[in-house]
PDB file of N, CA and C in Angstrom:
ATOM      1  N   UNK A   1       0.841  -1.187   0.000  1.00  0.00           N
ATOM      2  CA  UNK A   1       0.000   0.000   0.000  1.00  0.00           C
ATOM      3  C   UNK A   1       0.878   1.239   0.000  1.00  0.00           C
ATOM      4  N   UNK A   2       1.061   1.886   1.171  1.00  0.00           N
ATOM      5  CA  UNK A   2       1.891   3.083   1.223  1.00  0.00           C
ATOM      6  C   UNK A   2       3.336   2.715   1.442  1.00  0.00           C
ATOM      7  N   UNK A   3       4.215   3.687   1.199  1.00  0.00           N
ATOM      8  CA  UNK A   3       5.618   3.383   1.450  1.00  0.00           C
ATOM      9  C   UNK A   3       5.971   3.705   2.896  1.00  0.00           C
ATOM     10  N   UNK A   4       7.150   3.275   3.328  1.00  0.00           N
ATOM     11  CA  UNK A   4       7.546   3.403   4.727  1.00  0.00           C
ATOM     12  C   UNK A   4       7.622   4.858   5.183  1.00  0.00           C
ATOM     13  N   UNK A   5       7.963   5.777   4.298  1.00  0.00           N
ATOM     14  CA  UNK A   5       8.095   7.183   4.692  1.00  0.00           C
ATOM     15  C   UNK A   5       6.772   7.766   5.179  1.00  0.00           C
ATOM     16  N   UNK A   6       5.654   7.157   4.792  1.00  0.00           N
ATOM     17  CA  UNK A   6       4.363   7.650   5.250  1.00  0.00           C
ATOM     18  C   UNK A   6       4.136   7.353   6.730  1.00  0.00           C
ATOM     19  N   UNK A   7       4.861   6.381   7.295  1.00  0.00           N
ATOM     20  CA  UNK A   7       4.661   6.024   8.690  1.00  0.00           C
ATOM     21  C   UNK A   7       5.539   6.837   9.632  1.00  0.00           C
ATOM     22  N   UNK A   8       6.472   7.602   9.115  1.00  0.00           N
ATOM     23  CA  UNK A   8       7.372   8.417   9.933  1.00  0.00           C
ATOM     24  C   UNK A   8       6.848   9.846   9.956  1.00  0.00           C
ATOM     25  N   UNK A   9       6.583  10.392  11.150  1.00  0.00           N
ATOM     26  CA  UNK A   9       6.074  11.767  11.228  1.00  0.00           C
ATOM     27  C   UNK A   9       7.049  12.760  10.614  1.00  0.00           C
ATOM     28  N   UNK A  10       6.524  13.862  10.103  1.00  0.00           N
ATOM     29  CA  UNK A  10       7.371  14.909   9.546  1.00  0.00           C
ATOM     30  C   UNK A  10       8.391  15.364  10.568  1.00  0.00           C
ATOM     31  N   UNK A  11       9.640  15.496  10.155  1.00  0.00           N
ATOM     32  CA  UNK A  11      10.685  15.980  11.030  1.00  0.00           C
ATOM     33  C   UNK A  11      11.304  14.900  11.901  1.00  0.00           C
ATOM     34  N   UNK A  12      10.761  13.682  11.892  1.00  0.00           N
ATOM     35  CA  UNK A  12      11.307  12.598  12.709  1.00  0.00           C
ATOM     36  C   UNK A  12      12.255  11.756  11.864  1.00  0.00           C
ATOM     37  N   UNK A  13      13.243  11.191  12.528  1.00  0.00           N
ATOM     38  CA  UNK A  13      14.163  10.287  11.858  1.00  0.00           C
ATOM     39  C   UNK A  13      13.539   8.909  11.773  1.00  0.00           C
ATOM     40  N   UNK A  14      13.804   8.187  10.681  1.00  0.00           N
ATOM     41  CA  UNK A  14      13.277   6.826  10.576  1.00  0.00           C
ATOM     42  C   UNK A  14      13.823   5.900  11.660  1.00  0.00           C
ATOM     43  N   UNK A  15      14.997   6.232  12.244  1.00  0.00           N
ATOM     44  CA  UNK A  15      15.563   5.371  13.288  1.00  0.00           C
ATOM     45  C   UNK A  15      14.894   5.594  14.637  1.00  0.00           C
ATOM     46  N   UNK A  16      13.879   6.442  14.684  1.00  0.00           N
ATOM     47  CA  UNK A  16      13.109   6.621  15.912  1.00  0.00           C
ATOM     48  C   UNK A  16      13.575   7.762  16.791  1.00  0.00           C
ATOM     49  N   UNK A  17      14.601   8.452  16.389  1.00  0.00           N
ATOM     50  CA  UNK A  17      15.096   9.551  17.211  1.00  0.00           C
ATOM     51  C   UNK A  17      14.569  10.858  16.638  1.00  0.00           C
ATOM     52  N   UNK A  18      13.652  11.493  17.380  1.00  0.00           N
ATOM     53  CA  UNK A  18      13.060  12.732  16.933  1.00  0.00           C
ATOM     54  C   UNK A  18      13.904  13.936  17.312  1.00  0.00           C
ATOM     55  N   UNK A  19      13.433  15.125  16.955  1.00  0.00           N
ATOM     56  CA  UNK A  19      14.187  16.348  17.262  1.00  0.00           C
ATOM     57  C   UNK A  19      14.454  16.535  18.752  1.00  0.00           C
ATOM     58  N   UNK A  20      13.495  16.202  19.603  1.00  0.00           N
ATOM     59  CA  UNK A  20      13.706  16.358  21.043  1.00  0.00           C
ATOM     60  C   UNK A  20      14.797  15.408  21.538  1.00  0.00           C
ATOM     61  N   UNK A  21      14.759  14.167  21.090  1.00  0.00           N
ATOM     62  CA  UNK A  21      15.783  13.204  21.496  1.00  0.00           C
ATOM     63  C   UNK A  21      17.173  13.673  21.073  1.00  0.00           C
ATOM     64  N   UNK A  22      17.278  14.205  19.873  1.00  0.00           N
ATOM     65  CA  UNK A  22      18.582  14.708  19.400  1.00  0.00           C
ATOM     66  C   UNK A  22      19.033  15.891  20.239  1.00  0.00           C
ATOM     67  N   UNK A  23      18.121  16.780  20.593  1.00  0.00           N
ATOM     68  CA  UNK A  23      18.472  17.957  21.401  1.00  0.00           C
ATOM     69  C   UNK A  23      18.901  17.546  22.801  1.00  0.00           C
ATOM     70  N   UNK A  24      18.250  16.554  23.372  1.00  0.00           N
ATOM     71  CA  UNK A  24      18.562  16.110  24.734  1.00  0.00           C
ATOM     72  C   UNK A  24      19.861  15.322  24.796  1.00  0.00           C
ATOM     73  N   UNK A  25      20.262  14.717  23.683  1.00  0.00           N
ATOM     74  CA  UNK A  25      21.440  13.853  23.670  1.00  0.00           C
ATOM     75  C   UNK A  25      22.715  14.591  24.072  1.00  0.00           C
ATOM     76  N   UNK A  26      22.808  15.868  23.837  1.00  0.00           N
ATOM     77  CA  UNK A  26      24.018  16.608  24.155  1.00  0.00           C
ATOM     78  C   UNK A  26      23.963  17.383  25.450  1.00  0.00           C
ATOM     79  N   UNK A  27      22.985  17.089  26.304  1.00  0.00           N
ATOM     80  CA  UNK A  27      22.830  17.848  27.539  1.00  0.00           C
ATOM     81  C   UNK A  27      23.378  17.084  28.738  1.00  0.00           C
ATOM     82  N   UNK A  28      24.046  17.815  29.629  1.00  0.00           N
ATOM     83  CA  UNK A  28      24.540  17.240  30.886  1.00  0.00           C
ATOM     84  C   UNK A  28      24.211  18.236  31.992  1.00  0.00           C
ATOM     85  N   UNK A  29      23.580  17.752  33.053  1.00  0.00           N
ATOM     86  CA  UNK A  29      23.234  18.602  34.185  1.00  0.00           C
ATOM     87  C   UNK A  29      24.255  18.395  35.299  1.00  0.00           C
ATOM     88  N   UNK A  30      24.949  19.455  35.654  1.00  0.00           N
ATOM     89  CA  UNK A  30      25.868  19.451  36.794  1.00  0.00           C
ATOM     90  C   UNK A  30      25.071  19.922  37.994  1.00  0.00           C
ATOM     91  N   UNK A  31      25.162  19.165  39.095  1.00  0.00           N
ATOM     92  CA  UNK A  31      24.286  19.432  40.221  1.00  0.00           C
ATOM     93  C   UNK A  31      24.888  18.952  41.534  1.00  0.00           C
ATOM     94  N   UNK A  32      24.196  19.284  42.611  1.00  0.00           N
ATOM     95  CA  UNK A  32      24.392  18.709  43.940  1.00  0.00           C
ATOM     96  C   UNK A  32      22.993  18.342  44.420  1.00  0.00           C
ATOM     97  N   UNK A  33      22.785  17.110  44.859  1.00  0.00           N
ATOM     98  CA  UNK A  33      21.433  16.653  45.205  1.00  0.00           C
ATOM     99  C   UNK A  33      20.722  17.497  46.267  1.00  0.00           C
ATOM    100  N   UNK A  34      21.447  18.070  47.193  1.00  0.00           N
ATOM    101  CA  UNK A  34      20.823  18.831  48.280  1.00  0.00           C
ATOM    102  C   UNK A  34      20.534  20.289  47.908  1.00  0.00           C
ATOM    103  N   UNK A  35      21.000  20.724  46.767  1.00  0.00           N
ATOM    104  CA  UNK A  35      20.823  22.122  46.335  1.00  0.00           C
ATOM    105  C   UNK A  35      19.356  22.385  45.976  1.00  0.00           C
ATOM    106  N   UNK A  36      18.708  23.376  46.605  1.00  0.00           N
ATOM    107  CA  UNK A  36      17.290  23.634  46.307  1.00  0.00           C
ATOM    108  C   UNK A  36      17.043  24.056  44.857  1.00  0.00           C
ATOM    109  N   UNK A  37      17.996  24.736  44.258  1.00  0.00           N
ATOM    110  CA  UNK A  37      17.833  25.145  42.855  1.00  0.00           C
ATOM    111  C   UNK A  37      17.971  23.939  41.925  1.00  0.00           C
ATOM    112  N   UNK A  38      18.843  22.995  42.296  1.00  0.00           N
ATOM    113  CA  UNK A  38      18.962  21.745  41.539  1.00  0.00           C
ATOM    114  C   UNK A  38      17.683  20.934  41.670  1.00  0.00           C
ATOM    115  N   UNK A  39      17.112  20.929  42.868  1.00  0.00           N
ATOM    116  CA  UNK A  39      15.845  20.222  43.085  1.00  0.00           C
ATOM    117  C   UNK A  39      14.748  20.799  42.198  1.00  0.00           C
ATOM    118  N   UNK A  40      14.751  22.106  42.031  1.00  0.00           N
ATOM    119  CA  UNK A  40      13.756  22.764  41.166  1.00  0.00           C
ATOM    120  C   UNK A  40      13.914  22.283  39.717  1.00  0.00           C
ATOM    121  N   UNK A  41      15.162  22.225  39.239  1.00  0.00           N
ATOM    122  CA  UNK A  41      15.413  21.749  37.875  1.00  0.00           C
ATOM    123  C   UNK A  41      14.996  20.282  37.748  1.00  0.00           C
ATOM    124  N   UNK A  42      15.317  19.480  38.747  1.00  0.00           N
ATOM    125  CA  UNK A  42      14.951  18.064  38.713  1.00  0.00           C
ATOM    126  C   UNK A  42      13.439  17.869  38.707  1.00  0.00           C
ATOM    127  N   UNK A  43      12.714  18.710  39.424  1.00  0.00           N
ATOM    128  CA  UNK A  43      11.245  18.640  39.402  1.00  0.00           C
ATOM    129  C   UNK A  43      10.721  18.946  38.001  1.00  0.00           C
ATOM    130  N   UNK A  44      11.323  19.909  37.343  1.00  0.00           N
ATOM    131  CA  UNK A  44      10.924  20.243  35.970  1.00  0.00           C
ATOM    132  C   UNK A  44      11.229  19.078  35.042  1.00  0.00           C
ATOM    133  N   UNK A  45      12.395  18.476  35.195  1.00  0.00           N
ATOM    134  CA  UNK A  45      12.748  17.320  34.371  1.00  0.00           C
ATOM    135  C   UNK A  45      11.711  16.215  34.525  1.00  0.00           C
ATOM    136  N   UNK A  46      11.329  15.925  35.766  1.00  0.00           N
ATOM    137  CA  UNK A  46      10.317  14.890  36.015  1.00  0.00           C
ATOM    138  C   UNK A  46       8.983  15.257  35.372  1.00  0.00           C
ATOM    139  N   UNK A  47       8.571  16.508  35.540  1.00  0.00           N
ATOM    140  CA  UNK A  47       7.264  16.910  34.998  1.00  0.00           C
ATOM    141  C   UNK A  47       7.240  16.872  33.469  1.00  0.00           C
ATOM    142  N   UNK A  48       8.383  17.080  32.850  1.00  0.00           N
ATOM    143  CA  UNK A  48       8.470  17.055  31.389  1.00  0.00           C
ATOM    144  C   UNK A  48       8.783  15.661  30.854  1.00  0.00           C
ATOM    145  N   UNK A  49       9.099  14.735  31.756  1.00  0.00           N
ATOM    146  CA  UNK A  49       9.436  13.382  31.326  1.00  0.00           C
ATOM    147  C   UNK A  49      10.797  13.293  30.661  1.00  0.00           C
ATOM    148  N   UNK A  50      11.728  14.126  31.097  1.00  0.00           N
ATOM    149  CA  UNK A  50      13.064  14.177  30.510  1.00  0.00           C
ATOM    150  C   UNK A  50      14.057  13.495  31.444  1.00  0.00           C
ATOM    151  N   UNK A  51      14.914  12.671  30.862  1.00  0.00           N
ATOM    152  CA  UNK A  51      15.981  12.026  31.609  1.00  0.00           C
ATOM    153  C   UNK A  51      17.299  12.469  30.997  1.00  0.00           C
ATOM    154  N   UNK A  52      18.113  13.167  31.778  1.00  0.00           N
ATOM    155  CA  UNK A  52      19.396  13.673  31.301  1.00  0.00           C
ATOM    156  C   UNK A  52      20.551  12.995  32.007  1.00  0.00           C
ATOM    157  N   UNK A  53      21.705  13.063  31.384  1.00  0.00           N
ATOM    158  CA  UNK A  53      22.931  12.679  32.085  1.00  0.00           C
ATOM    159  C   UNK A  53      23.148  13.712  33.180  1.00  0.00           C
ATOM    160  N   UNK A  54      23.530  13.236  34.371  1.00  0.00           N
ATOM    161  CA  UNK A  54      23.737  14.131  35.513  1.00  0.00           C
ATOM    162  C   UNK A  54      25.096  13.872  36.114  1.00  0.00           C
ATOM    163  N   UNK A  55      25.695  14.922  36.608  1.00  0.00           N
ATOM    164  CA  UNK A  55      26.983  14.807  37.278  1.00  0.00           C
ATOM    165  C   UNK A  55      26.915  15.556  38.604  1.00  0.00           C
ATOM    166  N   UNK A  56      27.124  14.820  39.681  1.00  0.00           N
ATOM    167  CA  UNK A  56      27.102  15.373  41.033  1.00  0.00           C
ATOM    168  C   UNK A  56      28.498  15.902  41.346  1.00  0.00           C
ATOM    169  N   UNK A  57      28.656  17.213  41.366  1.00  0.00           N
ATOM    170  CA  UNK A  57      29.990  17.779  41.570  1.00  0.00           C
ATOM    171  C   UNK A  57      30.489  17.602  42.997  1.00  0.00           C
ATOM    172  N   UNK A  58      29.616  17.223  43.920  1.00  0.00           N
ATOM    173  CA  UNK A  58      30.035  16.932  45.280  1.00  0.00           C
ATOM    174  C   UNK A  58      30.674  15.558  45.404  1.00  0.00           C
ATOM    175  N   UNK A  59      30.308  14.643  44.527  1.00  0.00           N
ATOM    176  CA  UNK A  59      30.812  13.268  44.548  1.00  0.00           C
ATOM    177  C   UNK A  59      31.805  12.976  43.427  1.00  0.00           C
ATOM    178  N   UNK A  60      31.830  13.807  42.399  1.00  0.00           N
ATOM    179  CA  UNK A  60      32.653  13.559  41.211  1.00  0.00           C
ATOM    180  C   UNK A  60      33.625  14.723  41.025  1.00  0.00           C
ATOM    181  N   UNK A  61      34.870  14.529  41.475  1.00  0.00           N
ATOM    182  CA  UNK A  61      35.874  15.600  41.415  1.00  0.00           C
ATOM    183  C   UNK A  61      36.159  16.023  39.978  1.00  0.00           C
ATOM    184  N   UNK A  62      36.165  15.074  39.042  1.00  0.00           N
ATOM    185  CA  UNK A  62      36.404  15.405  37.638  1.00  0.00           C
ATOM    186  C   UNK A  62      35.293  16.313  37.102  1.00  0.00           C
ATOM    187  N   UNK A  63      34.052  16.010  37.458  1.00  0.00           N
ATOM    188  CA  UNK A  63      32.925  16.840  37.025  1.00  0.00           C
ATOM    189  C   UNK A  63      33.042  18.245  37.607  1.00  0.00           C
ATOM    190  N   UNK A  64      33.467  18.347  38.865  1.00  0.00           N
ATOM    191  CA  UNK A  64      33.650  19.662  39.492  1.00  0.00           C
ATOM    192  C   UNK A  64      34.723  20.455  38.760  1.00  0.00           C
ATOM    193  N   UNK A  65      35.823  19.782  38.374  1.00  0.00           N
ATOM    194  CA  UNK A  65      36.889  20.463  37.609  1.00  0.00           C
ATOM    195  C   UNK A  65      36.388  20.907  36.240  1.00  0.00           C
ATOM    196  N   UNK A  66      35.665  20.027  35.550  1.00  0.00           N
ATOM    197  CA  UNK A  66      35.108  20.379  34.234  1.00  0.00           C
ATOM    198  C   UNK A  66      34.239  21.625  34.340  1.00  0.00           C
ATOM    199  N   UNK A  67      33.367  21.628  35.324  1.00  0.00           N
ATOM    200  CA  UNK A  67      32.451  22.749  35.504  1.00  0.00           C
ATOM    201  C   UNK A  67      33.220  24.047  35.740  1.00  0.00           C
ATOM    202  N   UNK A  68      34.195  24.022  36.625  1.00  0.00           N
ATOM    203  CA  UNK A  68      34.963  25.227  36.949  1.00  0.00           C
ATOM    204  C   UNK A  68      35.828  25.679  35.782  1.00  0.00           C
ATOM    205  N   UNK A  69      36.538  24.737  35.140  1.00  0.00           N
ATOM    206  CA  UNK A  69      37.476  25.095  34.080  1.00  0.00           C
ATOM    207  C   UNK A  69      36.786  25.432  32.771  1.00  0.00           C
ATOM    208  N   UNK A  70      35.799  24.648  32.386  1.00  0.00           N
ATOM    209  CA  UNK A  70      35.158  24.856  31.093  1.00  0.00           C
ATOM    210  C   UNK A  70      33.948  25.788  31.180  1.00  0.00           C
ATOM    211  N   UNK A  71      33.218  25.689  32.283  1.00  0.00           N
ATOM    212  CA  UNK A  71      32.027  26.523  32.441  1.00  0.00           C
ATOM    213  C   UNK A  71      32.339  27.900  32.994  1.00  0.00           C
ATOM    214  N   UNK A  72      33.471  28.012  33.701  1.00  0.00           N
ATOM    215  CA  UNK A  72      33.871  29.310  34.224  1.00  0.00           C
ATOM    216  C   UNK A  72      33.527  29.541  35.682  1.00  0.00           C
ATOM    217  N   UNK A  73      32.610  28.746  36.238  1.00  0.00           N
ATOM    218  CA  UNK A  73      32.240  28.874  37.647  1.00  0.00           C
ATOM    219  C   UNK A  73      31.900  27.494  38.184  1.00  0.00           C
ATOM    220  N   UNK A  74      32.032  27.369  39.482  1.00  0.00           N
ATOM    221  CA  UNK A  74      31.647  26.111  40.134  1.00  0.00           C
ATOM    222  C   UNK A  74      30.308  26.327  40.832  1.00  0.00           C
ATOM    223  N   UNK A  75      29.318  26.647  40.030  1.00  0.00           N
ATOM    224  CA  UNK A  75      27.982  26.949  40.532  1.00  0.00           C
ATOM    225  C   UNK A  75      26.997  25.951  39.937  1.00  0.00           C
ATOM    226  N   UNK A  76      26.104  25.451  40.777  1.00  0.00           N
ATOM    227  CA  UNK A  76      25.077  24.530  40.298  1.00  0.00           C
ATOM    228  C   UNK A  76      23.700  25.098  40.606  1.00  0.00           C
ATOM    229  N   UNK A  77      22.696  24.718  39.835  1.00  0.00           N
ATOM    230  CA  UNK A  77      22.766  23.829  38.699  1.00  0.00           C
ATOM    231  C   UNK A  77      23.383  24.519  37.484  1.00  0.00           C
ATOM    232  N   UNK A  78      23.955  23.694  36.628  1.00  0.00           N
ATOM    233  CA  UNK A  78      24.495  24.175  35.363  1.00  0.00           C
ATOM    234  C   UNK A  78      24.186  23.126  34.312  1.00  0.00           C
ATOM    235  N   UNK A  79      23.644  23.573  33.209  1.00  0.00           N
ATOM    236  CA  UNK A  79      23.321  22.679  32.108  1.00  0.00           C
ATOM    237  C   UNK A  79      24.335  22.898  30.998  1.00  0.00           C
ATOM    238  N   UNK A  80      25.061  21.817  30.670  1.00  0.00           N
ATOM    239  CA  UNK A  80      25.974  21.878  29.535  1.00  0.00           C
ATOM    240  C   UNK A  80      25.186  21.506  28.294  1.00  0.00           C
ATOM    241  N   UNK A  81      25.276  22.350  27.269  1.00  0.00           N
ATOM    242  CA  UNK A  81      24.570  22.147  26.006  1.00  0.00           C
ATOM    243  C   UNK A  81      25.634  21.976  24.928  1.00  0.00           C
ATOM    244  N   UNK A  82      25.728  20.780  24.355  1.00  0.00           N
ATOM    245  CA  UNK A  82      26.779  20.479  23.384  1.00  0.00           C
ATOM    246  C   UNK A  82      26.742  21.440  22.198  1.00  0.00           C
ATOM    247  N   UNK A  83      25.569  21.789  21.708  1.00  0.00           N
ATOM    248  CA  UNK A  83      25.411  22.781  20.644  1.00  0.00           C
ATOM    249  C   UNK A  83      26.321  22.521  19.446  1.00  0.00           C
ATOM    250  N   UNK A  84      26.321  21.322  18.938  1.00  0.00           N
ATOM    251  CA  UNK A  84      27.103  20.998  17.753  1.00  0.00           C
ATOM    252  C   UNK A  84      28.598  20.962  18.003  1.00  0.00           C
ATOM    253  N   UNK A  85      29.002  20.784  19.242  1.00  0.00           N
ATOM    254  CA  UNK A  85      30.417  20.674  19.557  1.00  0.00           C
ATOM    255  C   UNK A  85      31.009  21.919  20.180  1.00  0.00           C
ATOM    256  N   UNK A  86      30.410  23.079  19.933  1.00  0.00           N
ATOM    257  CA  UNK A  86      30.943  24.327  20.488  1.00  0.00           C
ATOM    258  C   UNK A  86      30.764  24.361  22.004  1.00  0.00           C
ATOM    259  N   UNK A  87      29.629  23.931  22.469  1.00  0.00           N
ATOM    260  CA  UNK A  87      29.333  23.860  23.894  1.00  0.00           C
ATOM    261  C   UNK A  87      28.981  25.187  24.521  1.00  0.00           C
ATOM    262  N   UNK A  88      27.906  25.160  25.290  1.00  0.00           N
ATOM    263  CA  UNK A  88      27.472  26.325  26.078  1.00  0.00           C
ATOM    264  C   UNK A  88      27.196  25.846  27.484  1.00  0.00           C
ATOM    265  N   UNK A  89      27.357  26.731  28.445  1.00  0.00           N
ATOM    266  CA  UNK A  89      27.106  26.429  29.850  1.00  0.00           C
ATOM    267  C   UNK A  89      26.000  27.358  30.314  1.00  0.00           C
ATOM    268  N   UNK A  90      24.882  26.786  30.710  1.00  0.00           N
ATOM    269  CA  UNK A  90      23.720  27.568  31.117  1.00  0.00           C
ATOM    270  C   UNK A  90      23.539  27.440  32.625  1.00  0.00           C
ATOM    271  N   UNK A  91      23.710  28.561  33.317  1.00  0.00           N
ATOM    272  CA  UNK A  91      23.549  28.609  34.768  1.00  0.00           C
ATOM    273  C   UNK A  91      22.169  29.167  35.104  1.00  0.00           C
ATOM    274  N   UNK A  92      21.797  29.094  36.353  1.00  0.00           N
ATOM    275  CA  UNK A  92      20.532  29.609  36.886  1.00  0.00           C
ATOM    276  C   UNK A  92      19.382  28.648  36.599  1.00  0.00           C
ATOM    277  N   UNK A  93      18.739  28.208  37.652  1.00  0.00           N
ATOM    278  CA  UNK A  93      17.655  27.233  37.522  1.00  0.00           C
ATOM    279  C   UNK A  93      16.518  27.742  36.636  1.00  0.00           C
ATOM    280  N   UNK A  94      16.194  29.014  36.736  1.00  0.00           N
ATOM    281  CA  UNK A  94      15.086  29.540  35.924  1.00  0.00           C
ATOM    282  C   UNK A  94      15.440  29.519  34.434  1.00  0.00           C
ATOM    283  N   UNK A  95      16.676  29.810  34.097  1.00  0.00           N
ATOM    284  CA  UNK A  95      17.101  29.765  32.696  1.00  0.00           C
ATOM    285  C   UNK A  95      17.126  28.325  32.182  1.00  0.00           C
ATOM    286  N   UNK A  96      17.566  27.406  33.030  1.00  0.00           N
ATOM    287  CA  UNK A  96      17.621  25.991  32.642  1.00  0.00           C
ATOM    288  C   UNK A  96      16.213  25.446  32.424  1.00  0.00           C
ATOM    289  N   UNK A  97      15.297  25.725  33.353  1.00  0.00           N
ATOM    290  CA  UNK A  97      13.930  25.213  33.202  1.00  0.00           C
ATOM    291  C   UNK A  97      13.249  25.829  31.977  1.00  0.00           C
ATOM    292  N   UNK A  98      13.485  27.102  31.720  1.00  0.00           N
ATOM    293  CA  UNK A  98      12.906  27.743  30.535  1.00  0.00           C
ATOM    294  C   UNK A  98      13.456  27.097  29.261  1.00  0.00           C
ATOM    295  N   UNK A  99      14.742  26.809  29.241  1.00  0.00           N
ATOM    296  CA  UNK A  99      15.366  26.166  28.079  1.00  0.00           C
ATOM    297  C   UNK A  99      14.752  24.789  27.840  1.00  0.00           C
ATOM    298  N   UNK A 100      14.618  23.998  28.898  1.00  0.00           N
ATOM    299  CA  UNK A 100      14.060  22.648  28.774  1.00  0.00           C
ATOM    300  C   UNK A 100      12.604  22.689  28.315  1.00  0.00           C
ATOM    301  N   UNK A 101      11.828  23.603  28.902  1.00  0.00           N
ATOM    302  CA  UNK A 101      10.425  23.732  28.481  1.00  0.00           C
ATOM    303  C   UNK A 101      10.334  24.125  27.008  1.00  0.00           C
ATOM    304  N   UNK A 102      11.203  25.012  26.560  1.00  0.00           N
ATOM    305  CA  UNK A 102      11.202  25.436  25.157  1.00  0.00           C
ATOM    306  C   UNK A 102      11.532  24.264  24.230  1.00  0.00           C
ATOM    307  N   UNK A 103      12.458  23.399  24.643  1.00  0.00           N
ATOM    308  CA  UNK A 103      12.771  22.215  23.830  1.00  0.00           C
ATOM    309  C   UNK A 103      11.547  21.330  23.669  1.00  0.00           C
ATOM    310  N   UNK A 104      10.845  21.082  24.761  1.00  0.00           N
ATOM    311  CA  UNK A 104       9.672  20.211  24.728  1.00  0.00           C
ATOM    312  C   UNK A 104       8.566  20.858  23.896  1.00  0.00           C
ATOM    313  N   UNK A 105       8.355  22.155  24.082  1.00  0.00           N
ATOM    314  CA  UNK A 105       7.301  22.845  23.329  1.00  0.00           C
ATOM    315  C   UNK A 105       7.621  22.904  21.842  1.00  0.00           C
ATOM    316  N   UNK A 106       8.906  23.028  21.491  1.00  0.00           N
ATOM    317  CA  UNK A 106       9.285  23.036  20.078  1.00  0.00           C
ATOM    318  C   UNK A 106       9.041  21.667  19.450  1.00  0.00           C
ATOM    319  N   UNK A 107       9.201  20.614  20.257  1.00  0.00           N
ATOM    320  CA  UNK A 107       8.968  19.256  19.772  1.00  0.00           C
ATOM    321  C   UNK A 107       7.486  18.955  19.665  1.00  0.00           C
ATOM    322  N   UNK A 108       6.687  19.517  20.600  1.00  0.00           N
ATOM    323  CA  UNK A 108       5.249  19.279  20.651  1.00  0.00           C
ATOM    324  C   UNK A 108       4.551  20.595  20.944  1.00  0.00           C
ATOM    325  N   UNK A 109       4.128  21.326  19.909  1.00  0.00           N
ATOM    326  CA  UNK A 109       3.515  22.646  20.115  1.00  0.00           C
ATOM    327  C   UNK A 109       2.336  22.639  21.066  1.00  0.00           C
ATOM    328  N   UNK A 110       1.663  21.511  21.245  1.00  0.00           N
ATOM    329  CA  UNK A 110       0.527  21.435  22.161  1.00  0.00           C
ATOM    330  C   UNK A 110       0.967  21.281  23.601  1.00  0.00           C
ATOM    331  N   UNK A 111       2.266  21.016  23.865  1.00  0.00           N
ATOM    332  CA  UNK A 111       2.767  20.787  25.220  1.00  0.00           C
ATOM    333  C   UNK A 111       2.631  22.034  26.072  1.00  0.00           C
ATOM    334  N   UNK A 112       2.691  23.202  25.471  1.00  0.00           N
ATOM    335  CA  UNK A 112       2.602  24.448  26.240  1.00  0.00           C
ATOM    336  C   UNK A 112       1.179  24.842  26.585  1.00  0.00           C
ATOM    337  N   UNK A 113       0.215  24.150  26.000  1.00  0.00           N
ATOM    338  CA  UNK A 113      -1.191  24.489  26.269  1.00  0.00           C
ATOM    339  C   UNK A 113      -1.687  23.772  27.504  1.00  0.00           C
ATOM    340  N   UNK A 114      -2.670  24.387  28.153  1.00  0.00           N
ATOM    341  CA  UNK A 114      -3.288  23.671  29.248  1.00  0.00           C
ATOM    342  C   UNK A 114      -3.367  24.373  30.492  1.00  0.00           C
TER     343      UNK A 114
END
């Protein structure tokens, strides 16, 4: 009947990885579990159904060094965004949650409604 391309939604890869999955693949959250601002970001992640790589800078000395040397500050939460290899470091829980919400809304325009 129809060809296989008809079963793949517009903008989605045939291998099953959509735009949101590709955007999330390059993200790393630097955090400390007891930090209230990190908890706020984690609550947003849960509500959006997002699972990211996380690095606890209190338990992982290498992650703490990466954050300080590459990000410029040893402040959490910090979201590392690969951005095609150039890399950006996004600090402040409100900026991180806004960025994550924008990714989800760009993937699903109806996600922001309600």
